[in-house]
N, C-alpha and C. Protein backbone atom coordinates (compact mmCIF):
# COMPACT_ATOMS: atom_id res chain seq x y z
N MET A 1 4.83 49.27 -41.60
CA MET A 1 3.95 50.09 -40.79
C MET A 1 3.43 49.31 -39.59
N LYS A 2 3.08 48.02 -39.82
CA LYS A 2 2.58 47.20 -38.72
C LYS A 2 3.66 47.02 -37.65
N ALA A 3 4.90 46.88 -38.09
CA ALA A 3 6.00 46.72 -37.13
C ALA A 3 6.18 47.98 -36.29
N ALA A 4 6.04 49.16 -36.90
CA ALA A 4 6.18 50.41 -36.15
C ALA A 4 5.06 50.56 -35.13
N ILE A 5 3.85 50.17 -35.50
CA ILE A 5 2.72 50.25 -34.56
C ILE A 5 2.95 49.29 -33.40
N TRP A 6 3.43 48.07 -33.70
CA TRP A 6 3.66 47.10 -32.64
C TRP A 6 4.75 47.59 -31.69
N ILE A 7 5.82 48.15 -32.23
CA ILE A 7 6.92 48.65 -31.39
C ILE A 7 6.43 49.80 -30.52
N THR A 8 5.67 50.71 -31.09
CA THR A 8 5.14 51.84 -30.32
C THR A 8 4.21 51.35 -29.23
N THR A 9 3.33 50.39 -29.55
CA THR A 9 2.41 49.85 -28.56
C THR A 9 3.18 49.12 -27.47
N GLY A 10 4.20 48.36 -27.87
CA GLY A 10 5.01 47.64 -26.89
C GLY A 10 5.75 48.57 -25.95
N LEU A 11 6.28 49.67 -26.48
CA LEU A 11 6.97 50.64 -25.64
C LEU A 11 6.01 51.33 -24.68
N ALA A 12 4.81 51.64 -25.14
CA ALA A 12 3.82 52.27 -24.27
C ALA A 12 3.44 51.35 -23.13
N ALA A 13 3.31 50.06 -23.42
CA ALA A 13 2.97 49.10 -22.37
C ALA A 13 4.14 48.96 -21.39
N TRP A 14 5.37 49.01 -21.90
CA TRP A 14 6.54 48.86 -21.06
C TRP A 14 6.77 50.08 -20.17
N ALA A 15 6.35 51.27 -20.62
CA ALA A 15 6.63 52.51 -19.91
C ALA A 15 5.61 52.83 -18.83
N MET A 16 4.66 51.94 -18.59
CA MET A 16 3.66 52.22 -17.56
C MET A 16 4.34 52.20 -16.19
N GLY A 17 3.95 53.11 -15.34
CA GLY A 17 4.56 53.18 -14.03
C GLY A 17 3.62 53.84 -13.04
N GLY A 18 4.10 54.05 -11.87
CA GLY A 18 3.29 54.68 -10.83
C GLY A 18 4.20 55.23 -9.75
N PRO A 19 3.59 55.77 -8.70
CA PRO A 19 4.39 56.31 -7.61
C PRO A 19 5.19 55.21 -6.92
N VAL A 20 6.39 55.56 -6.53
CA VAL A 20 7.24 54.63 -5.81
C VAL A 20 7.50 55.22 -4.44
N PRO A 21 6.88 54.66 -3.39
CA PRO A 21 7.11 55.22 -2.05
C PRO A 21 8.53 54.94 -1.59
N SER A 22 9.11 55.91 -0.90
CA SER A 22 10.44 55.73 -0.35
C SER A 22 10.49 56.43 1.00
N PRO A 23 11.26 55.88 1.94
CA PRO A 23 11.32 56.49 3.27
C PRO A 23 12.00 57.86 3.23
N TRP A 24 11.55 58.74 4.10
CA TRP A 24 12.13 60.08 4.23
C TRP A 24 12.56 60.22 5.67
N PRO A 25 13.85 60.00 5.97
CA PRO A 25 14.29 60.05 7.36
C PRO A 25 14.17 61.47 7.94
N THR A 26 13.65 61.55 9.13
CA THR A 26 13.53 62.83 9.82
C THR A 26 14.14 62.69 11.20
N SER A 27 14.47 63.81 11.80
CA SER A 27 15.06 63.79 13.13
C SER A 27 14.01 64.20 14.15
N GLY A 28 14.07 63.60 15.31
CA GLY A 28 13.16 63.98 16.39
C GLY A 28 11.76 63.42 16.20
N ASP A 29 10.86 63.87 17.08
CA ASP A 29 9.47 63.44 17.06
C ASP A 29 8.69 64.42 16.19
N GLN A 30 8.71 64.18 14.90
CA GLN A 30 8.14 65.16 13.98
C GLN A 30 6.72 64.81 13.56
N ALA A 31 5.96 65.83 13.30
CA ALA A 31 4.63 65.70 12.73
C ALA A 31 4.64 66.47 11.42
N THR A 32 4.87 65.77 10.33
CA THR A 32 4.94 66.42 9.03
C THR A 32 3.54 66.81 8.61
N VAL A 33 3.34 68.11 8.40
CA VAL A 33 2.01 68.59 8.03
C VAL A 33 1.95 69.05 6.59
N ALA A 34 3.08 69.27 5.94
CA ALA A 34 3.06 69.75 4.55
C ALA A 34 4.37 69.41 3.85
N ILE A 35 4.24 69.16 2.56
CA ILE A 35 5.40 68.90 1.72
C ILE A 35 5.26 69.73 0.46
N GLY A 36 6.32 70.41 0.07
CA GLY A 36 6.33 71.18 -1.18
C GLY A 36 7.53 70.76 -2.01
N ALA A 37 7.40 70.85 -3.33
CA ALA A 37 8.50 70.46 -4.20
C ALA A 37 8.63 71.43 -5.36
N SER A 38 9.85 71.61 -5.81
CA SER A 38 10.08 72.43 -7.00
C SER A 38 9.99 71.53 -8.23
N ARG A 39 9.59 72.10 -9.34
CA ARG A 39 9.40 71.32 -10.55
C ARG A 39 10.71 71.05 -11.28
N VAL A 40 11.67 71.94 -11.20
CA VAL A 40 12.86 71.83 -12.03
C VAL A 40 14.07 71.32 -11.25
N SER A 41 14.34 71.87 -10.09
CA SER A 41 15.60 71.58 -9.39
C SER A 41 15.57 70.30 -8.57
N GLY A 42 14.41 69.77 -8.26
CA GLY A 42 14.34 68.57 -7.46
C GLY A 42 14.48 68.81 -5.97
N ARG A 43 14.29 70.04 -5.53
CA ARG A 43 14.34 70.33 -4.09
C ARG A 43 12.97 70.11 -3.48
N TYR A 44 12.98 69.67 -2.23
CA TYR A 44 11.75 69.39 -1.49
C TYR A 44 11.79 70.11 -0.16
N ALA A 45 10.64 70.48 0.36
CA ALA A 45 10.56 71.10 1.68
C ALA A 45 9.50 70.37 2.48
N VAL A 46 9.80 70.11 3.74
CA VAL A 46 8.88 69.43 4.64
C VAL A 46 8.67 70.30 5.87
N ALA A 47 7.42 70.60 6.18
CA ALA A 47 7.09 71.43 7.35
C ALA A 47 6.74 70.52 8.52
N ASP A 48 7.26 70.85 9.69
CA ASP A 48 7.05 70.08 10.92
C ASP A 48 6.36 70.98 11.93
N SER A 49 5.17 70.58 12.38
CA SER A 49 4.42 71.42 13.31
C SER A 49 4.81 71.21 14.77
N ILE A 50 5.47 70.12 15.09
CA ILE A 50 5.90 69.88 16.48
C ILE A 50 7.16 70.69 16.79
N GLU A 51 8.17 70.57 15.94
CA GLU A 51 9.43 71.30 16.14
C GLU A 51 9.37 72.72 15.60
N ASP A 52 8.29 73.08 14.89
CA ASP A 52 8.14 74.39 14.25
C ASP A 52 9.33 74.70 13.35
N GLU A 53 9.64 73.78 12.45
CA GLU A 53 10.75 74.00 11.53
C GLU A 53 10.41 73.44 10.15
N VAL A 54 11.19 73.86 9.17
CA VAL A 54 11.03 73.40 7.79
C VAL A 54 12.38 72.90 7.30
N GLU A 55 12.42 71.66 6.81
CA GLU A 55 13.64 71.10 6.25
C GLU A 55 13.57 71.19 4.74
N ILE A 56 14.64 71.66 4.11
CA ILE A 56 14.72 71.71 2.66
C ILE A 56 15.81 70.73 2.24
N ARG A 57 15.45 69.84 1.29
CA ARG A 57 16.37 68.79 0.87
C ARG A 57 16.55 68.80 -0.64
N ASP A 58 17.68 68.23 -1.07
CA ASP A 58 17.92 68.13 -2.51
C ASP A 58 17.32 66.83 -3.04
N ILE A 59 17.54 66.56 -4.30
CA ILE A 59 16.92 65.40 -4.94
C ILE A 59 17.43 64.08 -4.36
N ARG A 60 18.60 64.08 -3.75
CA ARG A 60 19.15 62.88 -3.12
C ARG A 60 18.68 62.69 -1.69
N GLY A 61 17.93 63.65 -1.16
CA GLY A 61 17.42 63.56 0.20
C GLY A 61 18.32 64.19 1.24
N ALA A 62 19.43 64.78 0.82
CA ALA A 62 20.35 65.43 1.76
C ALA A 62 19.78 66.79 2.18
N THR A 63 19.80 67.05 3.48
CA THR A 63 19.29 68.33 3.99
C THR A 63 20.22 69.46 3.56
N THR A 64 19.66 70.46 2.88
CA THR A 64 20.46 71.59 2.43
C THR A 64 20.22 72.83 3.29
N ARG A 65 19.09 72.90 3.95
CA ARG A 65 18.76 74.06 4.79
C ARG A 65 17.67 73.67 5.77
N VAL A 66 17.74 74.22 6.97
CA VAL A 66 16.69 74.03 7.96
C VAL A 66 16.25 75.41 8.44
N VAL A 67 14.98 75.70 8.29
CA VAL A 67 14.40 76.93 8.83
C VAL A 67 13.90 76.58 10.22
N THR A 68 14.57 77.09 11.24
CA THR A 68 14.28 76.72 12.62
C THR A 68 13.16 77.56 13.22
N SER A 69 12.72 77.16 14.39
CA SER A 69 11.69 77.90 15.12
C SER A 69 12.17 79.31 15.44
N SER A 70 13.44 79.46 15.80
CA SER A 70 13.95 80.80 16.12
C SER A 70 13.99 81.70 14.89
N MET A 71 14.22 81.14 13.71
CA MET A 71 14.18 81.93 12.48
C MET A 71 12.75 82.41 12.20
N LEU A 72 11.79 81.52 12.41
CA LEU A 72 10.39 81.91 12.22
C LEU A 72 9.99 82.98 13.23
N THR A 73 10.44 82.83 14.48
CA THR A 73 10.14 83.83 15.51
C THR A 73 10.80 85.16 15.18
N GLY A 74 11.99 85.14 14.57
CA GLY A 74 12.66 86.37 14.16
C GLY A 74 11.88 87.11 13.09
N ALA A 75 11.26 86.36 12.18
CA ALA A 75 10.48 86.98 11.11
C ALA A 75 9.09 87.39 11.59
N MET A 76 8.59 86.70 12.60
CA MET A 76 7.25 86.97 13.17
C MET A 76 7.39 87.10 14.69
N PRO A 77 7.81 88.24 15.22
CA PRO A 77 8.10 88.36 16.65
C PRO A 77 6.90 88.12 17.55
N TRP A 78 5.70 88.26 17.04
CA TRP A 78 4.50 88.09 17.86
C TRP A 78 4.08 86.63 18.03
N ILE A 79 4.70 85.73 17.28
CA ILE A 79 4.26 84.34 17.32
C ILE A 79 4.64 83.69 18.64
N THR A 80 3.80 82.80 19.11
CA THR A 80 4.06 82.05 20.34
C THR A 80 4.22 80.58 19.97
N PRO A 81 5.46 80.14 19.71
CA PRO A 81 5.65 78.74 19.32
C PRO A 81 5.19 77.80 20.42
N SER A 82 4.49 76.78 20.03
CA SER A 82 4.02 75.78 20.99
C SER A 82 3.86 74.45 20.27
N ILE A 83 3.51 73.43 21.03
CA ILE A 83 3.41 72.09 20.46
C ILE A 83 2.03 71.83 19.85
N ASP A 84 1.10 72.72 20.01
CA ASP A 84 -0.24 72.47 19.46
C ASP A 84 -0.26 72.79 17.96
N THR A 85 -1.31 73.37 17.48
CA THR A 85 -1.47 73.59 16.04
C THR A 85 -0.71 74.79 15.50
N ASP A 86 0.00 75.53 16.33
CA ASP A 86 0.79 76.66 15.84
C ASP A 86 1.97 76.17 15.01
N GLY A 87 2.48 77.05 14.17
CA GLY A 87 3.68 76.74 13.41
C GLY A 87 3.43 76.60 11.93
N PRO A 88 4.39 76.04 11.20
CA PRO A 88 4.26 75.89 9.75
C PRO A 88 3.06 75.02 9.41
N ARG A 89 2.29 75.45 8.42
CA ARG A 89 1.09 74.71 8.05
C ARG A 89 1.13 74.25 6.60
N SER A 90 1.75 75.03 5.71
CA SER A 90 1.86 74.63 4.31
C SER A 90 3.14 75.19 3.71
N VAL A 91 3.59 74.56 2.63
CA VAL A 91 4.84 74.94 1.98
C VAL A 91 4.63 74.94 0.46
N ALA A 92 5.17 75.94 -0.20
CA ALA A 92 5.20 75.99 -1.66
C ALA A 92 6.59 76.42 -2.09
N MET A 93 7.05 75.87 -3.19
CA MET A 93 8.38 76.22 -3.69
C MET A 93 8.28 76.71 -5.13
N SER A 94 9.21 77.60 -5.49
CA SER A 94 9.26 78.07 -6.88
C SER A 94 9.78 76.95 -7.76
N ASP A 95 9.59 77.08 -9.07
CA ASP A 95 10.06 76.06 -10.00
C ASP A 95 11.55 75.80 -9.89
N SER A 96 12.32 76.85 -9.68
CA SER A 96 13.78 76.71 -9.59
C SER A 96 14.23 76.15 -8.25
N GLY A 97 13.37 76.21 -7.23
CA GLY A 97 13.74 75.73 -5.91
C GLY A 97 14.49 76.73 -5.08
N ARG A 98 14.68 77.95 -5.60
CA ARG A 98 15.42 78.98 -4.85
C ARG A 98 14.54 79.69 -3.83
N LEU A 99 13.22 79.66 -4.02
CA LEU A 99 12.30 80.33 -3.10
C LEU A 99 11.38 79.31 -2.45
N ALA A 100 11.22 79.44 -1.15
CA ALA A 100 10.26 78.60 -0.42
C ALA A 100 9.30 79.53 0.32
N PHE A 101 8.03 79.26 0.21
CA PHE A 101 7.00 80.06 0.87
C PHE A 101 6.35 79.18 1.93
N VAL A 102 6.38 79.63 3.18
CA VAL A 102 5.87 78.85 4.30
C VAL A 102 4.73 79.62 4.95
N ALA A 103 3.57 79.01 5.02
CA ALA A 103 2.44 79.61 5.73
C ALA A 103 2.54 79.18 7.19
N VAL A 104 2.61 80.16 8.09
CA VAL A 104 2.76 79.90 9.52
C VAL A 104 1.48 80.34 10.23
N VAL A 105 0.95 79.47 11.08
CA VAL A 105 -0.30 79.73 11.79
C VAL A 105 0.00 79.96 13.26
N ASP A 106 -0.66 80.96 13.84
CA ASP A 106 -0.56 81.24 15.27
C ASP A 106 -1.96 81.43 15.82
N ASP A 107 -2.25 80.83 16.96
CA ASP A 107 -3.61 80.92 17.50
C ASP A 107 -3.89 82.22 18.24
N GLU A 108 -2.87 83.06 18.41
CA GLU A 108 -3.07 84.35 19.07
C GLU A 108 -2.93 85.48 18.06
N THR A 109 -3.63 86.57 18.29
CA THR A 109 -3.54 87.71 17.38
C THR A 109 -2.24 88.48 17.61
N ALA A 110 -1.81 89.19 16.60
CA ALA A 110 -0.61 90.01 16.70
C ALA A 110 -0.89 91.22 17.59
N PRO A 111 0.14 91.86 18.16
CA PRO A 111 -0.07 93.02 19.04
C PRO A 111 -0.82 94.17 18.38
N ASP A 112 -0.74 94.28 17.06
CA ASP A 112 -1.44 95.37 16.38
C ASP A 112 -2.90 95.04 16.10
N GLY A 113 -3.36 93.89 16.59
CA GLY A 113 -4.76 93.49 16.42
C GLY A 113 -5.04 92.75 15.13
N GLN A 114 -4.05 92.64 14.27
CA GLN A 114 -4.22 91.91 13.01
C GLN A 114 -4.09 90.41 13.27
N ALA A 115 -4.38 89.64 12.27
CA ALA A 115 -4.25 88.18 12.39
C ALA A 115 -2.81 87.80 12.67
N GLY A 116 -2.61 86.73 13.41
CA GLY A 116 -1.27 86.29 13.76
C GLY A 116 -0.62 85.42 12.71
N ASP A 117 -1.37 85.01 11.69
CA ASP A 117 -0.84 84.13 10.65
C ASP A 117 -0.04 84.94 9.64
N ALA A 118 0.90 84.28 8.96
CA ALA A 118 1.71 84.98 7.95
C ALA A 118 2.30 83.98 6.97
N VAL A 119 2.72 84.47 5.83
CA VAL A 119 3.49 83.69 4.86
C VAL A 119 4.91 84.24 4.90
N VAL A 120 5.85 83.37 5.20
CA VAL A 120 7.25 83.77 5.36
C VAL A 120 8.05 83.23 4.18
């Protein structure tokens, strides 16, 4: 019994760990404002407020999809993309990684008088 307790205690001490920072290469002059990750598939999404785009990557860091500024403008025709605080602000992903939800902020109101912000 004492040997089992010692082995268990030794394994617990050996298994201690923490976050391991690693570089995330990006293209252009980006200002990353949000990162979202899926729990199961290992996909990650990074929102960039300068380029107004969202990069989705797999667990190895390879880009699998880029949601461009023109795609966001297609979904939100009233948005006025600019270099200031407009654009993607936060990202959430489903557990499977198949769905990405991007909150987009616009400083101008929509033509119908409603708020210009949306979740795409």
